[in-house]
PDB file of N, CA and C in Angstrom:
ATOM      1  N   MET A   1     -30.468-130.331  41.935  1.00  0.00           N
ATOM      2  CA  MET A   1     -30.857-129.297  42.661  1.00  0.00           C
ATOM      3  C   MET A   1     -30.347-129.320  44.103  1.00  0.00           C
ATOM      4  N   ALA A   2     -29.893-128.114  44.502  1.00  0.00           N
ATOM      5  CA  ALA A   2     -29.432-128.114  45.935  1.00  0.00           C
ATOM      6  C   ALA A   2     -30.153-126.900  46.649  1.00  0.00           C
ATOM      7  N   ILE A   3     -30.146-127.166  47.936  1.00  0.00           N
ATOM      8  CA  ILE A   3     -30.777-126.141  48.755  1.00  0.00           C
ATOM      9  C   ILE A   3     -29.725-125.554  49.687  1.00  0.00           C
ATOM     10  N   HIS A   4     -29.480-124.237  49.478  1.00  0.00           N
ATOM     11  CA  HIS A   4     -28.447-123.509  50.212  1.00  0.00           C
ATOM     12  C   HIS A   4     -29.082-122.689  51.260  1.00  0.00           C
ATOM     13  N   TYR A   5     -28.565-122.722  52.491  1.00  0.00           N
ATOM     14  CA  TYR A   5     -28.944-121.888  53.628  1.00  0.00           C
ATOM     15  C   TYR A   5     -27.839-120.869  53.946  1.00  0.00           C
ATOM     16  N   HIS A   6     -28.275-119.680  54.019  1.00  0.00           N
ATOM     17  CA  HIS A   6     -27.345-118.556  54.456  1.00  0.00           C
ATOM     18  C   HIS A   6     -28.093-117.665  55.454  1.00  0.00           C
ATOM     19  N   CYS A   7     -27.276-117.080  56.293  1.00  0.00           N
ATOM     20  CA  CYS A   7     -27.795-116.211  57.349  1.00  0.00           C
ATOM     21  C   CYS A   7     -28.233-114.952  56.653  1.00  0.00           C
ATOM     22  N   ARG A   8     -29.445-114.477  56.947  1.00  0.00           N
ATOM     23  CA  ARG A   8     -29.947-113.153  56.379  1.00  0.00           C
ATOM     24  C   ARG A   8     -29.300-111.971  57.160  1.00  0.00           C
ATOM     25  N   HIS A   9     -28.706-112.108  58.280  1.00  0.00           N
ATOM     26  CA  HIS A   9     -28.143-111.026  59.020  1.00  0.00           C
ATOM     27  C   HIS A   9     -26.649-110.740  58.667  1.00  0.00           C
ATOM     28  N   CYS A  10     -25.799-111.797  58.477  1.00  0.00           N
ATOM     29  CA  CYS A  10     -24.450-111.669  58.283  1.00  0.00           C
ATOM     30  C   CYS A  10     -23.966-112.186  56.973  1.00  0.00           C
ATOM     31  N   GLY A  11     -24.793-113.001  56.317  1.00  0.00           N
ATOM     32  CA  GLY A  11     -24.410-113.508  55.022  1.00  0.00           C
ATOM     33  C   GLY A  11     -23.644-114.895  55.086  1.00  0.00           C
ATOM     34  N   THR A  12     -23.369-115.339  56.271  1.00  0.00           N
ATOM     35  CA  THR A  12     -22.599-116.561  56.433  1.00  0.00           C
ATOM     36  C   THR A  12     -23.318-117.747  55.860  1.00  0.00           C
ATOM     37  N   LYS A  13     -22.599-118.606  55.082  1.00  0.00           N
ATOM     38  CA  LYS A  13     -23.159-119.847  54.670  1.00  0.00           C
ATOM     39  C   LYS A  13     -23.390-120.804  55.846  1.00  0.00           C
ATOM     40  N   ILE A  14     -24.642-121.211  55.888  1.00  0.00           N
ATOM     41  CA  ILE A  14     -25.039-122.125  57.169  1.00  0.00           C
ATOM     42  C   ILE A  14     -24.889-123.636  56.646  1.00  0.00           C
ATOM     43  N   GLY A  15     -25.219-123.900  55.382  1.00  0.00           N
ATOM     44  CA  GLY A  15     -25.142-125.368  54.933  1.00  0.00           C
ATOM     45  C   GLY A  15     -25.801-125.406  53.578  1.00  0.00           C
ATOM     46  N   THR A  16     -25.612-126.620  53.076  1.00  0.00           N
ATOM     47  CA  THR A  16     -26.241-126.892  51.769  1.00  0.00           C
ATOM     48  C   THR A  16     -26.742-128.367  51.761  1.00  0.00           C
ATOM     49  N   ILE A  17     -27.908-128.617  51.255  1.00  0.00           N
ATOM     50  CA  ILE A  17     -28.570-129.928  51.148  1.00  0.00           C
ATOM     51  C   ILE A  17     -28.453-130.275  49.633  1.00  0.00           C
ATOM     52  N   ASP A  18     -27.728-131.291  49.203  1.00  0.00           N
ATOM     53  CA  ASP A  18     -27.598-131.832  47.897  1.00  0.00           C
ATOM     54  C   ASP A  18     -28.528-133.047  47.745  1.00  0.00           C
ATOM     55  N   GLN A  19     -29.759-132.780  47.413  1.00  0.00           N
ATOM     56  CA  GLN A  19     -30.661-133.910  47.420  1.00  0.00           C
ATOM     57  C   GLN A  19     -31.558-133.664  46.093  1.00  0.00           C
ATOM     58  N   MET A  20     -31.688-134.698  45.204  1.00  0.00           N
ATOM     59  CA  MET A  20     -32.422-134.457  44.043  1.00  0.00           C
ATOM     60  C   MET A  20     -33.940-134.264  44.180  1.00  0.00           C
ATOM     61  N   SER A  21     -34.485-134.918  45.261  1.00  0.00           N
ATOM     62  CA  SER A  21     -35.908-134.887  45.449  1.00  0.00           C
ATOM     63  C   SER A  21     -36.138-134.620  46.925  1.00  0.00           C
ATOM     64  N   ILE A  22     -36.786-133.427  47.182  1.00  0.00           N
ATOM     65  CA  ILE A  22     -37.128-133.165  48.625  1.00  0.00           C
ATOM     66  C   ILE A  22     -38.409-132.276  48.516  1.00  0.00           C
ATOM     67  N   HIS A  23     -39.318-132.492  49.310  1.00  0.00           N
ATOM     68  CA  HIS A  23     -40.594-131.799  49.378  1.00  0.00           C
ATOM     69  C   HIS A  23     -40.536-130.625  50.431  1.00  0.00           C
ATOM     70  N   SER A  24     -41.284-129.641  50.083  1.00  0.00           N
ATOM     71  CA  SER A  24     -41.209-128.411  50.859  1.00  0.00           C
ATOM     72  C   SER A  24     -41.747-128.706  52.292  1.00  0.00           C
ATOM     73  N   GLU A  25     -42.518-129.743  52.538  1.00  0.00           N
ATOM     74  CA  GLU A  25     -42.933-130.107  53.845  1.00  0.00           C
ATOM     75  C   GLU A  25     -41.799-130.630  54.621  1.00  0.00           C
ATOM     76  N   GLN A  26     -40.865-131.338  53.973  1.00  0.00           N
ATOM     77  CA  GLN A  26     -39.657-131.828  54.703  1.00  0.00           C
ATOM     78  C   GLN A  26     -38.842-130.737  55.172  1.00  0.00           C
ATOM     79  N   LEU A  27     -38.841-129.548  54.491  1.00  0.00           N
ATOM     80  CA  LEU A  27     -38.067-128.446  54.866  1.00  0.00           C
ATOM     81  C   LEU A  27     -38.818-127.474  55.797  1.00  0.00           C
ATOM     82  N   GLY A  28     -40.090-127.682  55.853  1.00  0.00           N
ATOM     83  CA  GLY A  28     -40.927-126.781  56.724  1.00  0.00           C
ATOM     84  C   GLY A  28     -41.403-125.533  55.978  1.00  0.00           C
ATOM     85  N   LEU A  29     -41.139-125.443  54.688  1.00  0.00           N
ATOM     86  CA  LEU A  29     -41.520-124.350  53.942  1.00  0.00           C
ATOM     87  C   LEU A  29     -43.009-124.099  53.858  1.00  0.00           C
ATOM     88  N   ASN A  30     -43.874-125.166  54.053  1.00  0.00           N
ATOM     89  CA  ASN A  30     -45.224-125.092  53.925  1.00  0.00           C
ATOM     90  C   ASN A  30     -45.857-124.392  55.164  1.00  0.00           C
ATOM     91  N   LYS A  31     -45.018-124.185  56.224  1.00  0.00           N
ATOM     92  CA  LYS A  31     -45.429-123.493  57.390  1.00  0.00           C
ATOM     93  C   LYS A  31     -45.314-121.952  57.281  1.00  0.00           C
ATOM     94  N   LEU A  32     -44.594-121.502  56.275  1.00  0.00           N
ATOM     95  CA  LEU A  32     -44.300-120.117  56.059  1.00  0.00           C
ATOM     96  C   LEU A  32     -45.506-119.452  55.337  1.00  0.00           C
ATOM     97  N   SER A  33     -45.872-118.199  55.703  1.00  0.00           N
ATOM     98  CA  SER A  33     -46.846-117.393  55.027  1.00  0.00           C
ATOM     99  C   SER A  33     -46.350-117.161  53.621  1.00  0.00           C
ATOM    100  N   ALA A  34     -47.172-116.646  52.723  1.00  0.00           N
ATOM    101  CA  ALA A  34     -46.726-116.237  51.416  1.00  0.00           C
ATOM    102  C   ALA A  34     -45.738-115.136  51.549  1.00  0.00           C
ATOM    103  N   GLU A  35     -45.914-114.224  52.414  1.00  0.00           N
ATOM    104  CA  GLU A  35     -44.961-113.050  52.660  1.00  0.00           C
ATOM    105  C   GLU A  35     -43.662-113.595  53.169  1.00  0.00           C
ATOM    106  N   GLU A  36     -43.674-114.450  54.125  1.00  0.00           N
ATOM    107  CA  GLU A  36     -42.472-115.023  54.678  1.00  0.00           C
ATOM    108  C   GLU A  36     -41.652-115.803  53.618  1.00  0.00           C
ATOM    109  N   ARG A  37     -42.472-116.547  52.878  1.00  0.00           N
ATOM    110  CA  ARG A  37     -41.828-117.409  51.759  1.00  0.00           C
ATOM    111  C   ARG A  37     -41.179-116.437  50.695  1.00  0.00           C
ATOM    112  N   GLN A  38     -41.803-115.395  50.332  1.00  0.00           N
ATOM    113  CA  GLN A  38     -41.182-114.442  49.413  1.00  0.00           C
ATOM    114  C   GLN A  38     -40.075-113.779  49.963  1.00  0.00           C
ATOM    115  N   GLU A  39     -39.963-113.536  51.190  1.00  0.00           N
ATOM    116  CA  GLU A  39     -38.888-112.910  51.880  1.00  0.00           C
ATOM    117  C   GLU A  39     -37.682-113.734  52.114  1.00  0.00           C
ATOM    118  N   MET A  40     -37.881-115.060  52.337  1.00  0.00           N
ATOM    119  CA  MET A  40     -36.914-115.889  52.775  1.00  0.00           C
ATOM    120  C   MET A  40     -36.409-116.915  51.738  1.00  0.00           C
ATOM    121  N   VAL A  41     -37.190-117.126  50.724  1.00  0.00           N
ATOM    122  CA  VAL A  41     -36.895-118.254  49.676  1.00  0.00           C
ATOM    123  C   VAL A  41     -36.692-117.640  48.240  1.00  0.00           C
ATOM    124  N   SER A  42     -35.588-117.983  47.681  1.00  0.00           N
ATOM    125  CA  SER A  42     -35.372-117.612  46.249  1.00  0.00           C
ATOM    126  C   SER A  42     -34.775-118.742  45.509  1.00  0.00           C
ATOM    127  N   TYR A  43     -34.811-118.666  44.200  1.00  0.00           N
ATOM    128  CA  TYR A  43     -34.443-119.655  43.274  1.00  0.00           C
ATOM    129  C   TYR A  43     -33.477-119.124  42.231  1.00  0.00           C
ATOM    130  N   ASP A  44     -32.384-119.847  41.821  1.00  0.00           N
ATOM    131  CA  ASP A  44     -31.435-119.305  40.873  1.00  0.00           C
ATOM    132  C   ASP A  44     -31.725-120.032  39.458  1.00  0.00           C
ATOM    133  N   GLN A  45     -30.925-119.586  38.498  1.00  0.00           N
ATOM    134  CA  GLN A  45     -31.093-120.139  37.125  1.00  0.00           C
ATOM    135  C   GLN A  45     -30.873-121.725  37.088  1.00  0.00           C
ATOM    136  N   GLN A  46     -30.030-122.246  38.007  1.00  0.00           N
ATOM    137  CA  GLN A  46     -29.849-123.691  37.961  1.00  0.00           C
ATOM    138  C   GLN A  46     -30.810-124.478  38.594  1.00  0.00           C
ATOM    139  N   GLY A  47     -31.853-123.785  39.153  1.00  0.00           N
ATOM    140  CA  GLY A  47     -32.875-124.508  39.891  1.00  0.00           C
ATOM    141  C   GLY A  47     -32.596-124.686  41.398  1.00  0.00           C
ATOM    142  N   ASP A  48     -31.511-124.218  41.797  1.00  0.00           N
ATOM    143  CA  ASP A  48     -31.138-124.322  43.291  1.00  0.00           C
ATOM    144  C   ASP A  48     -32.099-123.327  44.092  1.00  0.00           C
ATOM    145  N   ILE A  49     -32.351-123.815  45.287  1.00  0.00           N
ATOM    146  CA  ILE A  49     -33.157-122.968  46.292  1.00  0.00           C
ATOM    147  C   ILE A  49     -32.188-122.346  47.221  1.00  0.00           C
ATOM    148  N   HIS A  50     -32.454-120.994  47.488  1.00  0.00           N
ATOM    149  CA  HIS A  50     -31.701-120.336  48.525  1.00  0.00           C
ATOM    150  C   HIS A  50     -32.583-119.831  49.569  1.00  0.00           C
ATOM    151  N   ILE A  51     -32.290-120.221  50.903  1.00  0.00           N
ATOM    152  CA  ILE A  51     -33.131-119.975  51.948  1.00  0.00           C
ATOM    153  C   ILE A  51     -32.326-119.064  52.958  1.00  0.00           C
ATOM    154  N   ALA A  52     -33.032-117.861  53.275  1.00  0.00           N
ATOM    155  CA  ALA A  52     -32.415-117.079  54.224  1.00  0.00           C
ATOM    156  C   ALA A  52     -32.844-117.349  55.592  1.00  0.00           C
ATOM    157  N   ALA A  53     -31.954-117.846  56.493  1.00  0.00           N
ATOM    158  CA  ALA A  53     -32.257-118.215  57.751  1.00  0.00           C
ATOM    159  C   ALA A  53     -31.440-117.387  58.740  1.00  0.00           C
ATOM    160  N   ILE A  54     -31.182-117.895  59.973  1.00  0.00           N
ATOM    161  CA  ILE A  54     -30.301-117.139  60.873  1.00  0.00           C
ATOM    162  C   ILE A  54     -29.325-118.130  61.482  1.00  0.00           C
ATOM    163  N   CYS A  55     -28.051-117.657  61.521  1.00  0.00           N
ATOM    164  CA  CYS A  55     -27.027-118.532  62.111  1.00  0.00           C
ATOM    165  C   CYS A  55     -27.038-118.514  63.647  1.00  0.00           C
ATOM    166  N   GLU A  56     -26.337-119.374  64.256  1.00  0.00           N
ATOM    167  CA  GLU A  56     -26.309-119.423  65.677  1.00  0.00           C
ATOM    168  C   GLU A  56     -25.766-118.201  66.358  1.00  0.00           C
ATOM    169  N   ASP A  57     -24.650-117.635  65.652  1.00  0.00           N
ATOM    170  CA  ASP A  57     -23.977-116.539  66.169  1.00  0.00           C
ATOM    171  C   ASP A  57     -25.017-115.236  66.157  1.00  0.00           C
ATOM    172  N   CYS A  58     -25.647-114.983  65.084  1.00  0.00           N
ATOM    173  CA  CYS A  58     -26.526-113.882  65.055  1.00  0.00           C
ATOM    174  C   CYS A  58     -27.687-114.083  66.000  1.00  0.00           C
ATOM    175  N   GLN A  59     -28.232-115.307  66.086  1.00  0.00           N
ATOM    176  CA  GLN A  59     -29.290-115.640  67.050  1.00  0.00           C
ATOM    177  C   GLN A  59     -28.864-115.315  68.430  1.00  0.00           C
ATOM    178  N   GLU A  60     -27.630-115.634  68.827  1.00  0.00           N
ATOM    179  CA  GLU A  60     -27.155-115.412  70.153  1.00  0.00           C
ATOM    180  C   GLU A  60     -27.015-113.828  70.321  1.00  0.00           C
ATOM    181  N   HIS A  61     -26.469-113.063  69.331  1.00  0.00           N
ATOM    182  CA  HIS A  61     -26.425-111.685  69.446  1.00  0.00           C
ATOM    183  C   HIS A  61     -27.821-111.035  69.539  1.00  0.00           C
ATOM    184  N   LEU A  62     -28.811-111.521  68.873  1.00  0.00           N
ATOM    185  CA  LEU A  62     -30.127-110.948  68.898  1.00  0.00           C
ATOM    186  C   LEU A  62     -30.862-111.282  70.280  1.00  0.00           C
ATOM    187  N   THR A  63     -30.539-112.380  70.732  1.00  0.00           N
ATOM    188  CA  THR A  63     -31.088-112.804  72.043  1.00  0.00           C
ATOM    189  C   THR A  63     -30.480-111.863  73.197  1.00  0.00           C
ATOM    190  N   ARG A  64     -29.198-111.552  73.055  1.00  0.00           N
ATOM    191  CA  ARG A  64     -28.518-110.750  74.178  1.00  0.00           C
ATOM    192  C   ARG A  64     -28.766-109.305  73.869  1.00  0.00           C
ATOM    193  N   ASN A  65     -29.023-108.894  72.675  1.00  0.00           N
ATOM    194  CA  ASN A  65     -29.217-107.525  72.297  1.00  0.00           C
ATOM    195  C   ASN A  65     -30.429-107.361  71.350  1.00  0.00           C
ATOM    196  N   PRO A  66     -31.700-107.331  72.083  1.00  0.00           N
ATOM    197  CA  PRO A  66     -32.879-107.338  71.139  1.00  0.00           C
ATOM    198  C   PRO A  66     -33.062-106.055  70.419  1.00  0.00           C
ATOM    199  N   GLU A  67     -32.321-104.968  70.796  1.00  0.00           N
ATOM    200  CA  GLU A  67     -32.382-103.684  69.945  1.00  0.00           C
ATOM    201  C   GLU A  67     -31.810-103.884  68.571  1.00  0.00           C
ATOM    202  N   TYR A  68     -31.006-104.933  68.447  1.00  0.00           N
ATOM    203  CA  TYR A  68     -30.357-105.260  67.056  1.00  0.00           C
ATOM    204  C   TYR A  68     -31.408-105.634  66.040  1.00  0.00           C
ATOM    205  N   HIS A  69     -32.603-106.111  66.470  1.00  0.00           N
ATOM    206  CA  HIS A  69     -33.661-106.462  65.485  1.00  0.00           C
ATOM    207  C   HIS A  69     -34.010-105.407  64.484  1.00  0.00           C
ATOM    208  N   GLN A  70     -33.641-104.194  64.804  1.00  0.00           N
ATOM    209  CA  GLN A  70     -33.928-103.037  63.825  1.00  0.00           C
ATOM    210  C   GLN A  70     -33.035-103.122  62.722  1.00  0.00           C
ATOM    211  N   TYR A  71     -31.841-103.777  62.762  1.00  0.00           N
ATOM    212  CA  TYR A  71     -30.851-103.797  61.720  1.00  0.00           C
ATOM    213  C   TYR A  71     -30.994-105.033  60.840  1.00  0.00           C
ATOM    214  N   ASP A  72     -30.783-104.718  59.523  1.00  0.00           N
ATOM    215  CA  ASP A  72     -30.907-105.845  58.510  1.00  0.00           C
ATOM    216  C   ASP A  72     -29.631-106.653  58.450  1.00  0.00           C
ATOM    217  N   PHE A  73     -28.445-106.058  58.852  1.00  0.00           N
ATOM    218  CA  PHE A  73     -27.226-106.728  58.695  1.00  0.00           C
ATOM    219  C   PHE A  73     -26.397-106.659  60.014  1.00  0.00           C
ATOM    220  N   LEU A  74     -25.797-107.674  60.433  1.00  0.00           N
ATOM    221  CA  LEU A  74     -25.041-107.733  61.785  1.00  0.00           C
ATOM    222  C   LEU A  74     -23.604-108.151  61.328  1.00  0.00           C
ATOM    223  N   ILE A  75     -22.698-107.451  62.055  1.00  0.00           N
ATOM    224  CA  ILE A  75     -21.307-107.799  61.954  1.00  0.00           C
ATOM    225  C   ILE A  75     -20.865-108.409  63.310  1.00  0.00           C
ATOM    226  N   HIS A  76     -20.213-109.550  63.265  1.00  0.00           N
ATOM    227  CA  HIS A  76     -19.825-110.126  64.511  1.00  0.00           C
ATOM    228  C   HIS A  76     -18.542-110.730  64.337  1.00  0.00           C
TER     229      HIS A  76
END
């Protein structure tokens, strides 16, 4: 099982954790509401977990341009 992080705004792969046993508390997933978890976490056929996060570039763009929050996808 691997945990894949990708940016929900631009699709960039942020990173992967290849660990056989890891608890949701270690990832901070237990702090998400049910709605947030459904929006941000998905599972594939191989049992891998995919987490939609935000990359540094998109975070920087959103900080400088708060009006971009209305868009689902950012190109930078």
